[in-house]
Amino acid sequence: MEMPRLSLMLACSVLMVVMMMMMPTEVSAKRWTVGGNKGWTASVNYTIWAQNITFYKDDWLFFVYDRNQQNVLQVNKTDYESCNENNPIHSWTTGAGRDVVPLNVTKHYYFISGHGFCYGGMKLAVHVLNQPPAPKAAPVKSDSSPSAYSGSQLRYAMAFVAVWTFMSQLF
């Protein structure tokens, strides 16, 4: 491959990396350990635990429990309210006592533990929402003094100068 073509490919690669670094970051999914440091056990009020948490689509619930006693069953609202474990929508119990449940649909989810533990309070209801939109950039002032440029405008300008300087040295 001839040298100018290789240099141009390198310059384009550098430009792409610089531009990707300046792109706004997206809100990432969170993994919530159900019950916090107490886990999925009879000694936690899961309504209180979940009341100040906003669950978003693509978050995860991480259930940690005694695999010899409890389980994790996803049920409908009626079975949640009556602690009926006979017709679960899904059993998330893998046998290890460390089960991860993806919250990949915006809806209400209902979980219980069978073997009578639901009656003792081992039940969790969560409402999953869509992620909020990313914040919008502040409007740009009309003054052309350097203090009027937003942070993102300044970053783009500096990136352009850096790439332009790099490319001009190649040719």
Protein backbone atom coordinates (compact mmCIF):
# COMPACT_ATOMS: atom_id res chain seq x y z
CA MET A 1 0.00 0.00 0.00
CA GLU A 2 1.45 3.38 -0.91
CA MET A 3 2.36 5.83 1.85
CA PRO A 4 -0.19 8.68 1.20
CA ARG A 5 -3.08 6.22 1.20
CA LEU A 6 -1.90 4.65 4.46
CA SER A 7 -1.55 8.12 5.99
CA LEU A 8 -5.03 9.08 4.90
CA MET A 9 -6.47 5.89 6.44
CA LEU A 10 -4.61 6.63 9.67
CA ALA A 11 -5.88 10.21 9.70
CA CYS A 12 -9.46 9.06 9.17
CA SER A 13 -9.09 6.55 11.97
CA VAL A 14 -7.78 9.21 14.33
CA LEU A 15 -10.64 11.54 13.36
CA MET A 16 -13.20 8.81 14.05
CA VAL A 17 -11.70 8.05 17.46
CA VAL A 18 -11.65 11.73 18.42
CA MET A 19 -15.27 12.23 17.31
CA MET A 20 -16.41 9.10 19.18
CA MET A 21 -14.76 10.37 22.36
CA MET A 22 -16.76 13.58 22.10
CA MET A 23 -20.12 11.88 21.58
CA PRO A 24 -22.50 12.14 24.54
CA THR A 25 -22.62 9.08 26.71
CA GLU A 26 -25.87 7.19 27.02
CA VAL A 27 -27.48 6.29 30.29
CA SER A 28 -26.39 2.78 31.13
CA ALA A 29 -28.46 -0.01 32.62
CA LYS A 30 -28.12 -0.78 36.31
CA ARG A 31 -28.01 -4.05 38.18
CA TRP A 32 -30.08 -3.86 41.35
CA THR A 33 -29.36 -6.37 44.10
CA VAL A 34 -32.84 -7.12 45.42
CA GLY A 35 -33.01 -6.27 49.12
CA GLY A 36 -29.63 -4.54 49.05
CA ASN A 37 -27.00 -6.22 51.22
CA LYS A 38 -29.66 -8.43 52.89
CA GLY A 39 -30.66 -10.08 49.62
CA TRP A 40 -33.83 -12.06 48.86
CA THR A 41 -34.83 -13.19 52.33
CA ALA A 42 -37.82 -13.13 54.70
CA SER A 43 -36.39 -10.30 56.82
CA VAL A 44 -36.79 -7.52 54.20
CA ASN A 45 -39.81 -5.40 53.31
CA TYR A 46 -39.41 -5.26 49.53
CA THR A 47 -42.08 -2.59 49.10
CA ILE A 48 -39.99 -0.23 51.23
CA TRP A 49 -36.76 -1.36 49.53
CA ALA A 50 -38.11 -0.58 46.04
CA GLN A 51 -40.07 2.59 46.81
CA ASN A 52 -37.24 5.05 46.10
CA ILE A 53 -35.80 3.21 43.10
CA THR A 54 -36.76 4.01 39.53
CA PHE A 55 -36.40 0.90 37.41
CA TYR A 56 -35.68 1.44 33.73
CA LYS A 57 -35.90 -0.80 30.69
CA ASP A 58 -32.71 -2.88 30.35
CA ASP A 59 -31.92 -2.75 34.08
CA TRP A 60 -31.36 -6.08 35.86
CA LEU A 61 -32.60 -7.52 39.12
CA PHE A 62 -30.06 -9.65 40.97
CA PHE A 63 -31.63 -12.06 43.46
CA VAL A 64 -29.27 -13.48 46.10
CA TYR A 65 -30.81 -16.08 48.42
CA ASP A 66 -30.50 -19.45 50.16
CA ARG A 67 -30.98 -21.89 47.28
CA ASN A 68 -32.06 -24.64 49.68
CA GLN A 69 -35.05 -22.66 50.94
CA GLN A 70 -36.19 -19.86 48.60
CA ASN A 71 -36.82 -19.43 44.90
CA VAL A 72 -37.67 -16.63 42.45
CA LEU A 73 -40.97 -16.89 40.61
CA GLN A 74 -42.36 -14.28 38.25
CA VAL A 75 -46.15 -14.21 38.53
CA ASN A 76 -49.09 -12.09 37.43
CA LYS A 77 -50.62 -9.42 39.68
CA THR A 78 -53.41 -11.67 40.98
CA ASP A 79 -50.99 -14.44 41.99
CA TYR A 80 -48.65 -11.83 43.50
CA GLU A 81 -51.44 -10.47 45.69
CA SER A 82 -52.60 -13.95 46.78
CA CYS A 83 -49.09 -15.49 47.00
CA ASN A 84 -50.12 -18.21 44.55
CA GLU A 85 -47.00 -20.01 43.32
CA ASN A 86 -48.81 -22.70 41.28
CA ASN A 87 -48.90 -20.90 37.91
CA PRO A 88 -45.73 -18.82 37.54
CA ILE A 89 -45.09 -16.90 34.33
CA HIS A 90 -41.44 -17.84 34.72
CA SER A 91 -39.23 -19.50 37.30
CA TRP A 92 -35.92 -17.64 37.48
CA THR A 93 -34.52 -20.14 39.95
CA THR A 94 -31.33 -21.66 38.55
CA GLY A 95 -30.34 -23.58 41.66
CA ALA A 96 -27.34 -21.43 42.52
CA GLY A 97 -29.14 -18.84 44.63
CA ARG A 98 -27.76 -16.09 42.38
CA ASP A 99 -30.36 -15.30 39.73
CA VAL A 100 -30.38 -12.37 37.32
CA VAL A 101 -33.64 -11.15 35.81
CA PRO A 102 -33.50 -8.77 32.82
CA LEU A 103 -36.10 -6.02 32.87
CA ASN A 104 -36.29 -5.76 29.09
CA VAL A 105 -39.92 -4.66 28.70
CA THR A 106 -41.62 -1.57 30.10
CA LYS A 107 -44.36 -3.00 32.32
CA HIS A 108 -45.17 -4.10 35.86
CA TYR A 109 -43.21 -7.14 37.07
CA TYR A 110 -44.27 -9.28 40.02
CA PHE A 111 -41.99 -11.71 41.87
CA ILE A 112 -42.60 -14.02 44.81
CA SER A 113 -40.78 -16.74 46.66
CA GLY A 114 -42.68 -19.97 47.05
CA HIS A 115 -42.64 -22.54 49.86
CA GLY A 116 -44.71 -20.17 52.05
CA PHE A 117 -42.10 -17.40 52.08
CA CYS A 118 -44.35 -15.07 50.07
CA TYR A 119 -46.77 -14.95 53.01
CA GLY A 120 -43.86 -13.72 55.13
CA GLY A 121 -43.23 -10.81 52.78
CA MET A 122 -40.93 -12.26 50.12
CA LYS A 123 -42.63 -10.55 47.23
CA LEU A 124 -41.55 -7.73 44.99
CA ALA A 125 -43.46 -5.56 42.52
CA VAL A 126 -41.57 -3.21 40.19
CA HIS A 127 -42.77 -0.86 37.49
CA VAL A 128 -40.27 -0.58 34.64
CA LEU A 129 -40.12 2.66 32.65
CA ASN A 130 -38.37 3.78 29.48
CA GLN A 131 -35.11 5.65 29.96
CA PRO A 132 -35.58 9.42 30.04
CA PRO A 133 -34.30 11.28 26.98
CA ALA A 134 -30.73 12.54 27.08
CA PRO A 135 -30.39 16.14 28.28
CA LYS A 136 -30.32 18.74 25.52
CA ALA A 137 -27.36 21.07 25.05
CA ALA A 138 -27.69 24.60 26.35
CA PRO A 139 -28.49 27.24 23.73
CA VAL A 140 -25.48 29.03 22.23
CA LYS A 141 -25.09 32.74 22.88
CA SER A 142 -24.90 35.04 19.85
CA ASP A 143 -21.78 36.80 21.15
CA SER A 144 -18.70 35.55 19.31
CA SER A 145 -16.27 36.03 22.18
CA PRO A 146 -14.49 32.84 23.34
CA SER A 147 -16.55 32.73 26.54
CA ALA A 148 -19.73 32.35 24.46
CA TYR A 149 -18.78 28.95 23.05
CA SER A 150 -20.30 25.91 24.70
CA GLY A 151 -18.07 23.11 25.96
CA SER A 152 -19.07 20.80 23.11
CA GLN A 153 -18.39 23.49 20.47
CA LEU A 154 -14.96 24.08 21.94
CA ARG A 155 -14.19 20.34 21.97
CA TYR A 156 -15.22 20.00 18.32
CA ALA A 157 -13.13 23.01 17.33
CA MET A 158 -10.07 21.66 19.18
CA ALA A 159 -10.56 18.22 17.64
CA PHE A 160 -10.81 19.76 14.17
CA VAL A 161 -7.60 21.75 14.70
CA ALA A 162 -5.79 18.67 16.02
CA VAL A 163 -6.89 16.49 13.09
CA TRP A 164 -6.15 19.27 10.57
CA THR A 165 -2.65 19.75 12.02
CA PHE A 166 -2.03 16.01 11.97
CA MET A 167 -3.21 15.63 8.38
CA SER A 168 -1.27 18.67 7.13
CA GLN A 169 1.95 17.14 8.47
CA LEU A 170 1.25 13.94 6.55
CA PHE A 171 0.95 15.60 3.17
